[in-house]
Amino acid sequence: MNEHSASKPINPAAAFALGIFGFFAFAALAFVAYFFFRNGRVSEAATAATQARLEARAAVDEANNNSIHSVTWVDEEKEIVSPTIEAYLPIAADKLLDKKPTPFVAPAQ
């Protein structure tokens, strides 16, 4: 092995100096980034698009909550209804409990 081998440990003073240099380099970068981005403004178009997305999301959430937490007709002539999620979960749990668990078999490669 030569004297520049990878197994040769780094000088502790050099490691300390590299650590201090790295810390101050990161601090300087953070300082510059703070002053560069501190007066960032959001455009009116982005604000309007965000507001439209939030309103659309609220409408979708309200429709989902109404369909999940209320009984609705699927077919009124045949008297088929869609139950609430609270009424359906025990039924689904009973069906799953009736099934026998099967072991997972990995497919052959």
C-alpha atoms as a PDB file:
ATOM      1  CA  MET A   1       0.000   0.000   0.000  1.00  0.00           C
ATOM      2  CA  ASN A   2       1.176   3.488  -0.703  1.00  0.00           C
ATOM      3  CA  GLU A   3       0.934   6.459   1.630  1.00  0.00           C
ATOM      4  CA  HIS A   4      -2.169   7.816  -0.155  1.00  0.00           C
ATOM      5  CA  SER A   5      -4.239   4.758   0.595  1.00  0.00           C
ATOM      6  CA  ALA A   6      -7.950   5.017   1.379  1.00  0.00           C
ATOM      7  CA  SER A   7      -7.368   3.148   4.629  1.00  0.00           C
ATOM      8  CA  LYS A   8      -5.194   5.969   5.967  1.00  0.00           C
ATOM      9  CA  PRO A   9      -7.250   8.017   8.449  1.00  0.00           C
ATOM     10  CA  ILE A  10      -7.763  11.732   7.918  1.00  0.00           C
ATOM     11  CA  ASN A  11      -5.845  14.138  10.085  1.00  0.00           C
ATOM     12  CA  PRO A  12      -8.087  15.260  13.006  1.00  0.00           C
ATOM     13  CA  ALA A  13      -7.158  18.907  12.534  1.00  0.00           C
ATOM     14  CA  ALA A  14      -8.109  18.684   8.836  1.00  0.00           C
ATOM     15  CA  ALA A  15     -11.416  17.030   9.721  1.00  0.00           C
ATOM     16  CA  PHE A  16     -12.147  19.801  12.223  1.00  0.00           C
ATOM     17  CA  ALA A  17     -11.248  22.493   9.681  1.00  0.00           C
ATOM     18  CA  LEU A  18     -13.455  20.853   7.032  1.00  0.00           C
ATOM     19  CA  GLY A  19     -16.322  20.698   9.504  1.00  0.00           C
ATOM     20  CA  ILE A  20     -16.010  24.368  10.433  1.00  0.00           C
ATOM     21  CA  PHE A  21     -15.702  25.357   6.766  1.00  0.00           C
ATOM     22  CA  GLY A  22     -18.775  23.288   5.867  1.00  0.00           C
ATOM     23  CA  PHE A  23     -20.811  24.816   8.680  1.00  0.00           C
ATOM     24  CA  PHE A  24     -19.984  28.381   7.645  1.00  0.00           C
ATOM     25  CA  ALA A  25     -20.559  27.599   3.963  1.00  0.00           C
ATOM     26  CA  PHE A  26     -24.034  26.261   4.790  1.00  0.00           C
ATOM     27  CA  ALA A  27     -24.765  29.275   7.032  1.00  0.00           C
ATOM     28  CA  ALA A  28     -23.705  31.665   4.258  1.00  0.00           C
ATOM     29  CA  LEU A  29     -25.883  29.840   1.744  1.00  0.00           C
ATOM     30  CA  ALA A  30     -28.869  29.974   4.110  1.00  0.00           C
ATOM     31  CA  PHE A  31     -28.256  33.685   4.731  1.00  0.00           C
ATOM     32  CA  VAL A  32     -28.168  34.449   1.001  1.00  0.00           C
ATOM     33  CA  ALA A  33     -31.254  32.316   0.358  1.00  0.00           C
ATOM     34  CA  TYR A  34     -33.166  34.119   3.114  1.00  0.00           C
ATOM     35  CA  PHE A  35     -32.480  37.538   1.616  1.00  0.00           C
ATOM     36  CA  PHE A  36     -33.164  36.277  -1.897  1.00  0.00           C
ATOM     37  CA  PHE A  37     -36.562  34.722  -1.108  1.00  0.00           C
ATOM     38  CA  ARG A  38     -37.893  36.889   1.747  1.00  0.00           C
ATOM     39  CA  ASN A  39     -39.922  39.210  -0.488  1.00  0.00           C
ATOM     40  CA  GLY A  40     -41.476  36.464  -2.582  1.00  0.00           C
ATOM     41  CA  ARG A  41     -44.962  37.282  -3.788  1.00  0.00           C
ATOM     42  CA  VAL A  42     -47.591  34.949  -5.182  1.00  0.00           C
ATOM     43  CA  SER A  43     -49.135  36.079  -8.443  1.00  0.00           C
ATOM     44  CA  GLU A  44     -52.832  36.851  -8.687  1.00  0.00           C
ATOM     45  CA  ALA A  45     -53.298  34.047 -11.222  1.00  0.00           C
ATOM     46  CA  ALA A  46     -51.842  31.486  -8.828  1.00  0.00           C
ATOM     47  CA  THR A  47     -54.024  32.795  -6.000  1.00  0.00           C
ATOM     48  CA  ALA A  48     -57.160  32.640  -8.183  1.00  0.00           C
ATOM     49  CA  ALA A  49     -56.301  29.122  -9.367  1.00  0.00           C
ATOM     50  CA  THR A  50     -55.737  28.009  -5.785  1.00  0.00           C
ATOM     51  CA  GLN A  51     -59.051  29.496  -4.695  1.00  0.00           C
ATOM     52  CA  ALA A  52     -60.865  27.740  -7.569  1.00  0.00           C
ATOM     53  CA  ARG A  53     -59.215  24.414  -6.635  1.00  0.00           C
ATOM     54  CA  LEU A  54     -60.210  24.827  -2.995  1.00  0.00           C
ATOM     55  CA  GLU A  55     -63.822  25.589  -3.929  1.00  0.00           C
ATOM     56  CA  ALA A  56     -63.965  22.574  -6.272  1.00  0.00           C
ATOM     57  CA  ARG A  57     -62.434  20.366  -3.565  1.00  0.00           C
ATOM     58  CA  ALA A  58     -64.977  21.590  -1.008  1.00  0.00           C
ATOM     59  CA  ALA A  59     -67.833  20.775  -3.412  1.00  0.00           C
ATOM     60  CA  VAL A  60     -66.448  17.281  -4.065  1.00  0.00           C
ATOM     61  CA  ASP A  61     -65.911  16.647  -0.338  1.00  0.00           C
ATOM     62  CA  GLU A  62     -69.472  17.749   0.432  1.00  0.00           C
ATOM     63  CA  ALA A  63     -70.885  15.486  -2.301  1.00  0.00           C
ATOM     64  CA  ASN A  64     -68.835  12.548  -1.003  1.00  0.00           C
ATOM     65  CA  ASN A  65     -69.931  13.114   2.580  1.00  0.00           C
ATOM     66  CA  ASN A  66     -73.569  13.351   1.484  1.00  0.00           C
ATOM     67  CA  SER A  67     -73.345  10.121  -0.514  1.00  0.00           C
ATOM     68  CA  ILE A  68     -71.450   8.182   2.162  1.00  0.00           C
ATOM     69  CA  HIS A  69     -73.379   9.300   5.236  1.00  0.00           C
ATOM     70  CA  SER A  70     -76.943   9.282   3.884  1.00  0.00           C
ATOM     71  CA  VAL A  71     -79.280   6.691   2.419  1.00  0.00           C
ATOM     72  CA  THR A  72     -79.898   7.317  -1.273  1.00  0.00           C
ATOM     73  CA  TRP A  73     -81.971   5.596  -3.905  1.00  0.00           C
ATOM     74  CA  VAL A  74     -80.117   3.521  -6.482  1.00  0.00           C
ATOM     75  CA  ASP A  75     -83.308   2.427  -8.265  1.00  0.00           C
ATOM     76  CA  GLU A  76     -86.547   3.721  -6.813  1.00  0.00           C
ATOM     77  CA  GLU A  77     -88.779   1.442  -8.918  1.00  0.00           C
ATOM     78  CA  LYS A  78     -87.012  -1.694  -7.688  1.00  0.00           C
ATOM     79  CA  GLU A  79     -86.690  -0.188  -4.197  1.00  0.00           C
ATOM     80  CA  ILE A  80     -82.897  -0.527  -4.117  1.00  0.00           C
ATOM     81  CA  VAL A  81     -81.104   1.873  -1.808  1.00  0.00           C
ATOM     82  CA  SER A  82     -77.489   2.659  -1.113  1.00  0.00           C
ATOM     83  CA  PRO A  83     -76.934   2.334   2.650  1.00  0.00           C
ATOM     84  CA  THR A  84     -74.809   4.608   4.771  1.00  0.00           C
ATOM     85  CA  ILE A  85     -71.241   3.566   5.404  1.00  0.00           C
ATOM     86  CA  GLU A  86     -72.045   2.941   9.074  1.00  0.00           C
ATOM     87  CA  ALA A  87     -74.743   0.433   8.067  1.00  0.00           C
ATOM     88  CA  TYR A  88     -72.596  -1.261   5.419  1.00  0.00           C
ATOM     89  CA  LEU A  89     -69.420  -1.851   7.451  1.00  0.00           C
ATOM     90  CA  PRO A  90     -70.907  -4.520   9.775  1.00  0.00           C
ATOM     91  CA  ILE A  91     -72.304  -6.374   6.750  1.00  0.00           C
ATOM     92  CA  ALA A  92     -68.923  -6.327   5.012  1.00  0.00           C
ATOM     93  CA  ALA A  93     -67.174  -7.387   8.212  1.00  0.00           C
ATOM     94  CA  ASP A  94     -69.537 -10.350   8.631  1.00  0.00           C
ATOM     95  CA  LYS A  95     -68.914 -11.436   5.037  1.00  0.00           C
ATOM     96  CA  LEU A  96     -65.174 -11.259   5.559  1.00  0.00           C
ATOM     97  CA  LEU A  97     -65.369 -13.193   8.817  1.00  0.00           C
ATOM     98  CA  ASP A  98     -67.314 -15.975   7.084  1.00  0.00           C
ATOM     99  CA  LYS A  99     -64.549 -16.460   4.533  1.00  0.00           C
ATOM    100  CA  LYS A 100     -61.740 -18.799   5.379  1.00  0.00           C
ATOM    101  CA  PRO A 101     -58.279 -17.231   5.181  1.00  0.00           C
ATOM    102  CA  THR A 102     -55.997 -18.712   2.562  1.00  0.00           C
ATOM    103  CA  PRO A 103     -52.215 -18.651   2.638  1.00  0.00           C
ATOM    104  CA  PHE A 104     -50.392 -16.541   0.122  1.00  0.00           C
ATOM    105  CA  VAL A 105     -48.489 -18.528  -2.459  1.00  0.00           C
ATOM    106  CA  ALA A 106     -45.849 -16.661  -4.423  1.00  0.00           C
ATOM    107  CA  PRO A 107     -46.089 -17.170  -8.170  1.00  0.00           C
ATOM    108  CA  ALA A 108     -43.374 -19.274  -9.759  1.00  0.00           C
ATOM    109  CA  GLN A 109     -40.811 -17.350 -11.703  1.00  0.00           C
END
